[in-house]
Protein backbone atom coordinates (compact mmCIF):
# COMPACT_ATOMS: atom_id res chain seq x y z
CA MET A 1 11.13 2.35 6.89
CA ALA A 2 9.86 -1.62 5.94
CA ASP A 3 6.97 -0.76 8.80
CA ALA A 4 5.93 2.18 7.12
CA SER A 5 5.49 -0.01 3.59
CA CYS A 6 3.94 -2.96 5.19
CA ARG A 7 1.34 -0.20 7.07
CA ILE A 8 0.45 1.43 3.95
CA LEU A 9 -0.15 -2.16 2.10
CA CYS A 10 -2.14 -3.17 5.31
CA THR A 11 -4.33 0.10 5.36
CA GLY A 12 -4.25 0.72 2.02
CA ASP A 13 -4.99 4.13 2.85
CA LEU A 14 -1.83 6.13 1.66
CA HIS A 15 -1.49 3.92 -1.28
CA LEU A 16 -3.32 6.72 -3.03
CA GLY A 17 -0.24 9.09 -2.49
CA ARG A 18 2.63 6.38 -1.95
CA TYR A 19 2.33 2.83 -3.56
CA PRO A 20 -0.81 3.09 -6.14
CA SER A 21 0.40 0.31 -8.27
CA ARG A 22 1.92 -1.92 -5.28
CA THR A 23 -1.20 -1.70 -3.26
CA GLN A 24 -3.79 -1.87 -6.16
CA SER A 25 -2.33 -4.94 -7.46
CA ARG A 26 -2.54 -6.50 -3.81
CA ASP A 27 -5.81 -5.10 -3.06
CA ARG A 28 -7.57 -6.47 -6.14
CA ALA A 29 -5.59 -9.97 -5.99
């Protein structure tokens, strides 16, 4: 499952429905 989290943060495509606040914080920084 760790791979999926890394991929979502890296791709930022599923962050809209999975990690919006985590990806948003990293995408903006």
